[in-house]
Amino acid sequence: LFVKRTPKSSGYRPDYTGFEVPNKFIVGYALDYNEFFRDLNHVCIISETGRIKYAKKS
């Protein structure tokens, strides 16, 4: 569904893609971060502040 735009690409291109996204950590629409954000009805980039806030606590 998603293809990341990255300079480290292996060169493989799938036959079908939904969206090209930046080389960032994306969440939402069933993509989660530590079981958060999975229920969003859109896809977005999580900021570094968000990643720290929702990091797993040991």
PDB file of N, CA and C in Angstrom:
ATOM      1  N   LEU A   1       0.817  -1.194   0.000  1.00  0.00           N
ATOM      2  CA  LEU A   1       0.000   0.000   0.000  1.00  0.00           C
ATOM      3  C   LEU A   1       0.863   1.261   0.000  1.00  0.00           C
ATOM      4  N   PHE A   2       1.929   1.286   0.810  1.00  0.00           N
ATOM      5  CA  PHE A   2       2.789   2.467   0.895  1.00  0.00           C
ATOM      6  C   PHE A   2       4.173   2.165   0.341  1.00  0.00           C
ATOM      7  N   VAL A   3       4.746   3.139  -0.333  1.00  0.00           N
ATOM      8  CA  VAL A   3       6.135   3.073  -0.775  1.00  0.00           C
ATOM      9  C   VAL A   3       6.826   4.292  -0.195  1.00  0.00           C
ATOM     10  N   LYS A   4       7.903   4.067   0.560  1.00  0.00           N
ATOM     11  CA  LYS A   4       8.635   5.192   1.151  1.00  0.00           C
ATOM     12  C   LYS A   4       9.648   5.734   0.160  1.00  0.00           C
ATOM     13  N   ARG A   5       9.714   7.056   0.098  1.00  0.00           N
ATOM     14  CA  ARG A   5      10.731   7.727  -0.719  1.00  0.00           C
ATOM     15  C   ARG A   5      12.013   7.790   0.104  1.00  0.00           C
ATOM     16  N   THR A   6      12.986   7.000  -0.261  1.00  0.00           N
ATOM     17  CA  THR A   6      14.235   6.941   0.483  1.00  0.00           C
ATOM     18  C   THR A   6      15.411   6.724  -0.457  1.00  0.00           C
ATOM     19  N   PRO A   7      16.549   7.335  -0.158  1.00  0.00           N
ATOM     20  CA  PRO A   7      17.729   7.107  -1.001  1.00  0.00           C
ATOM     21  C   PRO A   7      18.304   5.703  -0.843  1.00  0.00           C
ATOM     22  N   LYS A   8      17.915   4.984   0.212  1.00  0.00           N
ATOM     23  CA  LYS A   8      18.416   3.631   0.457  1.00  0.00           C
ATOM     24  C   LYS A   8      17.563   2.564  -0.226  1.00  0.00           C
ATOM     25  N   SER A   9      16.762   2.943  -1.171  1.00  0.00           N
ATOM     26  CA  SER A   9      15.871   2.010  -1.846  1.00  0.00           C
ATOM     27  C   SER A   9      16.649   0.887  -2.514  1.00  0.00           C
ATOM     28  N   SER A  10      16.086  -0.300  -2.478  1.00  0.00           N
ATOM     29  CA  SER A  10      16.715  -1.456  -3.124  1.00  0.00           C
ATOM     30  C   SER A  10      16.469  -1.453  -4.627  1.00  0.00           C
ATOM     31  N   GLY A  11      15.614  -0.565  -5.079  1.00  0.00           N
ATOM     32  CA  GLY A  11      15.284  -0.514  -6.497  1.00  0.00           C
ATOM     33  C   GLY A  11      14.032  -1.301  -6.843  1.00  0.00           C
ATOM     34  N   TYR A  12      13.534  -2.095  -5.898  1.00  0.00           N
ATOM     35  CA  TYR A  12      12.318  -2.871  -6.135  1.00  0.00           C
ATOM     36  C   TYR A  12      11.109  -1.947  -6.163  1.00  0.00           C
ATOM     37  N   ARG A  13      10.281  -2.085  -7.157  1.00  0.00           N
ATOM     38  CA  ARG A  13       9.030  -1.328  -7.252  1.00  0.00           C
ATOM     39  C   ARG A  13       7.888  -2.324  -7.359  1.00  0.00           C
ATOM     40  N   PRO A  14       6.946  -2.308  -6.426  1.00  0.00           N
ATOM     41  CA  PRO A  14       5.817  -3.231  -6.512  1.00  0.00           C
ATOM     42  C   PRO A  14       4.938  -2.902  -7.711  1.00  0.00           C
ATOM     43  N   ASP A  15       4.181  -3.887  -8.145  1.00  0.00           N
ATOM     44  CA  ASP A  15       3.281  -3.681  -9.279  1.00  0.00           C
ATOM     45  C   ASP A  15       2.194  -2.662  -8.955  1.00  0.00           C
ATOM     46  N   TYR A  16       1.731  -2.660  -7.716  1.00  0.00           N
ATOM     47  CA  TYR A  16       0.649  -1.757  -7.318  1.00  0.00           C
ATOM     48  C   TYR A  16       1.039  -1.032  -6.036  1.00  0.00           C
ATOM     49  N   THR A  17       0.819   0.255  -5.997  1.00  0.00           N
ATOM     50  CA  THR A  17       1.034   1.033  -4.778  1.00  0.00           C
ATOM     51  C   THR A  17      -0.164   1.943  -4.562  1.00  0.00           C
ATOM     52  N   GLY A  18      -0.410   2.251  -3.307  1.00  0.00           N
ATOM     53  CA  GLY A  18      -1.481   3.180  -2.987  1.00  0.00           C
ATOM     54  C   GLY A  18      -0.957   4.601  -2.896  1.00  0.00           C
ATOM     55  N   PHE A  19       0.131   4.763  -2.131  1.00  0.00           N
ATOM     56  CA  PHE A  19       0.673   6.094  -1.880  1.00  0.00           C
ATOM     57  C   PHE A  19       2.184   6.036  -1.744  1.00  0.00           C
ATOM     58  N   GLU A  20       2.847   7.092  -2.147  1.00  0.00           N
ATOM     59  CA  GLU A  20       4.252   7.289  -1.811  1.00  0.00           C
ATOM     60  C   GLU A  20       4.282   8.202  -0.601  1.00  0.00           C
ATOM     61  N   VAL A  21       5.082   7.834   0.393  1.00  0.00           N
ATOM     62  CA  VAL A  21       5.163   8.609   1.628  1.00  0.00           C
ATOM     63  C   VAL A  21       6.618   8.985   1.887  1.00  0.00           C
ATOM     64  N   PRO A  22       6.850  10.061   2.646  1.00  0.00           N
ATOM     65  CA  PRO A  22       8.229  10.439   2.961  1.00  0.00           C
ATOM     66  C   PRO A  22       8.881   9.393   3.857  1.00  0.00           C
ATOM     67  N   ASN A  23      10.173   9.437   3.950  1.00  0.00           N
ATOM     68  CA  ASN A  23      10.920   8.486   4.767  1.00  0.00           C
ATOM     69  C   ASN A  23      10.843   8.903   6.237  1.00  0.00           C
ATOM     70  N   LYS A  24       9.653   8.845   6.784  1.00  0.00           N
ATOM     71  CA  LYS A  24       9.364   9.195   8.178  1.00  0.00           C
ATOM     72  C   LYS A  24       8.547   8.065   8.786  1.00  0.00           C
ATOM     73  N   PHE A  25       8.392   8.067  10.111  1.00  0.00           N
ATOM     74  CA  PHE A  25       7.603   7.053  10.802  1.00  0.00           C
ATOM     75  C   PHE A  25       6.137   7.446  10.695  1.00  0.00           C
ATOM     76  N   ILE A  26       5.344   6.630  10.018  1.00  0.00           N
ATOM     77  CA  ILE A  26       3.935   6.953   9.823  1.00  0.00           C
ATOM     78  C   ILE A  26       3.062   6.091  10.729  1.00  0.00           C
ATOM     79  N   VAL A  27       1.928   6.662  11.143  1.00  0.00           N
ATOM     80  CA  VAL A  27       0.973   5.970  12.008  1.00  0.00           C
ATOM     81  C   VAL A  27      -0.432   6.250  11.506  1.00  0.00           C
ATOM     82  N   GLY A  28      -1.374   5.489  12.034  1.00  0.00           N
ATOM     83  CA  GLY A  28      -2.775   5.680  11.709  1.00  0.00           C
ATOM     84  C   GLY A  28      -3.284   4.648  10.727  1.00  0.00           C
ATOM     85  N   TYR A  29      -4.592   4.525  10.660  1.00  0.00           N
ATOM     86  CA  TYR A  29      -5.269   3.621   9.729  1.00  0.00           C
ATOM     87  C   TYR A  29      -4.687   2.211   9.811  1.00  0.00           C
ATOM     88  N   ALA A  30      -4.631   1.678  11.026  1.00  0.00           N
ATOM     89  CA  ALA A  30      -4.148   0.338  11.371  1.00  0.00           C
ATOM     90  C   ALA A  30      -2.633   0.248  11.516  1.00  0.00           C
ATOM     91  N   LEU A  31      -1.902   1.333  11.320  1.00  0.00           N
ATOM     92  CA  LEU A  31      -0.459   1.359  11.579  1.00  0.00           C
ATOM     93  C   LEU A  31      -0.263   2.015  12.939  1.00  0.00           C
ATOM     94  N   ASP A  32       0.325   1.278  13.885  1.00  0.00           N
ATOM     95  CA  ASP A  32       0.413   1.829  15.236  1.00  0.00           C
ATOM     96  C   ASP A  32       1.848   2.095  15.664  1.00  0.00           C
ATOM     97  N   TYR A  33       1.951   2.763  16.786  1.00  0.00           N
ATOM     98  CA  TYR A  33       3.220   2.966  17.474  1.00  0.00           C
ATOM     99  C   TYR A  33       2.978   2.589  18.922  1.00  0.00           C
ATOM    100  N   ASN A  34       3.545   1.464  19.346  1.00  0.00           N
ATOM    101  CA  ASN A  34       3.344   0.943  20.702  1.00  0.00           C
ATOM    102  C   ASN A  34       1.861   0.859  21.063  1.00  0.00           C
ATOM    103  N   GLU A  35       1.076   0.400  20.124  1.00  0.00           N
ATOM    104  CA  GLU A  35      -0.367   0.184  20.262  1.00  0.00           C
ATOM    105  C   GLU A  35      -1.179   1.475  20.391  1.00  0.00           C
ATOM    106  N   PHE A  36      -0.606   2.596  20.029  1.00  0.00           N
ATOM    107  CA  PHE A  36      -1.325   3.861  19.962  1.00  0.00           C
ATOM    108  C   PHE A  36      -1.535   4.224  18.499  1.00  0.00           C
ATOM    109  N   PHE A  37      -2.536   5.014  18.225  1.00  0.00           N
ATOM    110  CA  PHE A  37      -2.817   5.617  16.911  1.00  0.00           C
ATOM    111  C   PHE A  37      -3.369   4.647  15.868  1.00  0.00           C
ATOM    112  N   ARG A  38      -3.548   3.400  16.208  1.00  0.00           N
ATOM    113  CA  ARG A  38      -4.035   2.409  15.253  1.00  0.00           C
ATOM    114  C   ARG A  38      -5.434   2.745  14.748  1.00  0.00           C
ATOM    115  N   ASP A  39      -6.233   3.377  15.573  1.00  0.00           N
ATOM    116  CA  ASP A  39      -7.631   3.629  15.231  1.00  0.00           C
ATOM    117  C   ASP A  39      -7.867   4.950  14.498  1.00  0.00           C
ATOM    118  N   LEU A  40      -6.822   5.677  14.149  1.00  0.00           N
ATOM    119  CA  LEU A  40      -7.007   6.912  13.373  1.00  0.00           C
ATOM    120  C   LEU A  40      -7.574   6.571  12.000  1.00  0.00           C
ATOM    121  N   ASN A  41      -8.420   7.414  11.472  1.00  0.00           N
ATOM    122  CA  ASN A  41      -8.985   7.152  10.143  1.00  0.00           C
ATOM    123  C   ASN A  41      -8.195   7.861   9.047  1.00  0.00           C
ATOM    124  N   HIS A  42      -6.945   8.199   9.354  1.00  0.00           N
ATOM    125  CA  HIS A  42      -6.044   8.811   8.377  1.00  0.00           C
ATOM    126  C   HIS A  42      -4.615   8.388   8.719  1.00  0.00           C
ATOM    127  N   VAL A  43      -3.688   8.649   7.833  1.00  0.00           N
ATOM    128  CA  VAL A  43      -2.277   8.337   8.047  1.00  0.00           C
ATOM    129  C   VAL A  43      -1.535   9.648   8.256  1.00  0.00           C
ATOM    130  N   CYS A  44      -0.635   9.670   9.228  1.00  0.00           N
ATOM    131  CA  CYS A  44       0.140  10.877   9.486  1.00  0.00           C
ATOM    132  C   CYS A  44       1.530  10.502   9.984  1.00  0.00           C
ATOM    133  N   ILE A  45       2.386  11.491  10.082  1.00  0.00           N
ATOM    134  CA  ILE A  45       3.749  11.306  10.572  1.00  0.00           C
ATOM    135  C   ILE A  45       3.757  11.621  12.058  1.00  0.00           C
ATOM    136  N   ILE A  46       4.380  10.753  12.841  1.00  0.00           N
ATOM    137  CA  ILE A  46       4.503  11.022  14.273  1.00  0.00           C
ATOM    138  C   ILE A  46       5.813  11.780  14.506  1.00  0.00           C
ATOM    139  N   SER A  47       5.735  12.841  15.271  1.00  0.00           N
ATOM    140  CA  SER A  47       6.919  13.665  15.540  1.00  0.00           C
ATOM    141  C   SER A  47       7.819  12.978  16.566  1.00  0.00           C
ATOM    142  N   GLU A  48       9.019  13.473  16.691  1.00  0.00           N
ATOM    143  CA  GLU A  48       9.949  12.937  17.689  1.00  0.00           C
ATOM    144  C   GLU A  48       9.388  13.137  19.091  1.00  0.00           C
ATOM    145  N   THR A  49       8.721  14.255  19.329  1.00  0.00           N
ATOM    146  CA  THR A  49       8.084  14.499  20.626  1.00  0.00           C
ATOM    147  C   THR A  49       7.014  13.450  20.898  1.00  0.00           C
ATOM    148  N   GLY A  50       6.220  13.127  19.891  1.00  0.00           N
ATOM    149  CA  GLY A  50       5.197  12.096  20.033  1.00  0.00           C
ATOM    150  C   GLY A  50       5.792  10.725  20.274  1.00  0.00           C
ATOM    151  N   ARG A  51       6.893  10.431  19.606  1.00  0.00           N
ATOM    152  CA  ARG A  51       7.546   9.137  19.801  1.00  0.00           C
ATOM    153  C   ARG A  51       8.067   9.006  21.226  1.00  0.00           C
ATOM    154  N   ILE A  52       8.578  10.098  21.783  1.00  0.00           N
ATOM    155  CA  ILE A  52       9.055  10.070  23.171  1.00  0.00           C
ATOM    156  C   ILE A  52       7.874   9.930  24.128  1.00  0.00           C
ATOM    157  N   LYS A  53       6.822  10.691  23.889  1.00  0.00           N
ATOM    158  CA  LYS A  53       5.649  10.665  24.770  1.00  0.00           C
ATOM    159  C   LYS A  53       5.001   9.292  24.821  1.00  0.00           C
ATOM    160  N   TYR A  54       4.915   8.601  23.687  1.00  0.00           N
ATOM    161  CA  TYR A  54       4.230   7.316  23.617  1.00  0.00           C
ATOM    162  C   TYR A  54       5.185   6.126  23.597  1.00  0.00           C
ATOM    163  N   ALA A  55       6.433   6.341  23.972  1.00  0.00           N
ATOM    164  CA  ALA A  55       7.399   5.239  24.046  1.00  0.00           C
ATOM    165  C   ALA A  55       7.001   4.294  25.174  1.00  0.00           C
ATOM    166  N   LYS A  56       7.367   3.035  25.029  1.00  0.00           N
ATOM    167  CA  LYS A  56       7.073   2.063  26.084  1.00  0.00           C
ATOM    168  C   LYS A  56       7.876   2.403  27.323  1.00  0.00           C
ATOM    169  N   LYS A  57       7.202   2.381  28.442  1.00  0.00           N
ATOM    170  CA  LYS A  57       7.849   2.642  29.725  1.00  0.00           C
ATOM    171  C   LYS A  57       8.317   1.307  30.294  1.00  0.00           C
ATOM    172  N   SER A  58       9.581   1.230  30.676  1.00  0.00           N
ATOM    173  CA  SER A  58      10.123  -0.026  31.224  1.00  0.00           C
ATOM    174  C   SER A  58       9.979  -0.094  32.714  1.00  0.00           C
TER     175      SER A  58
END
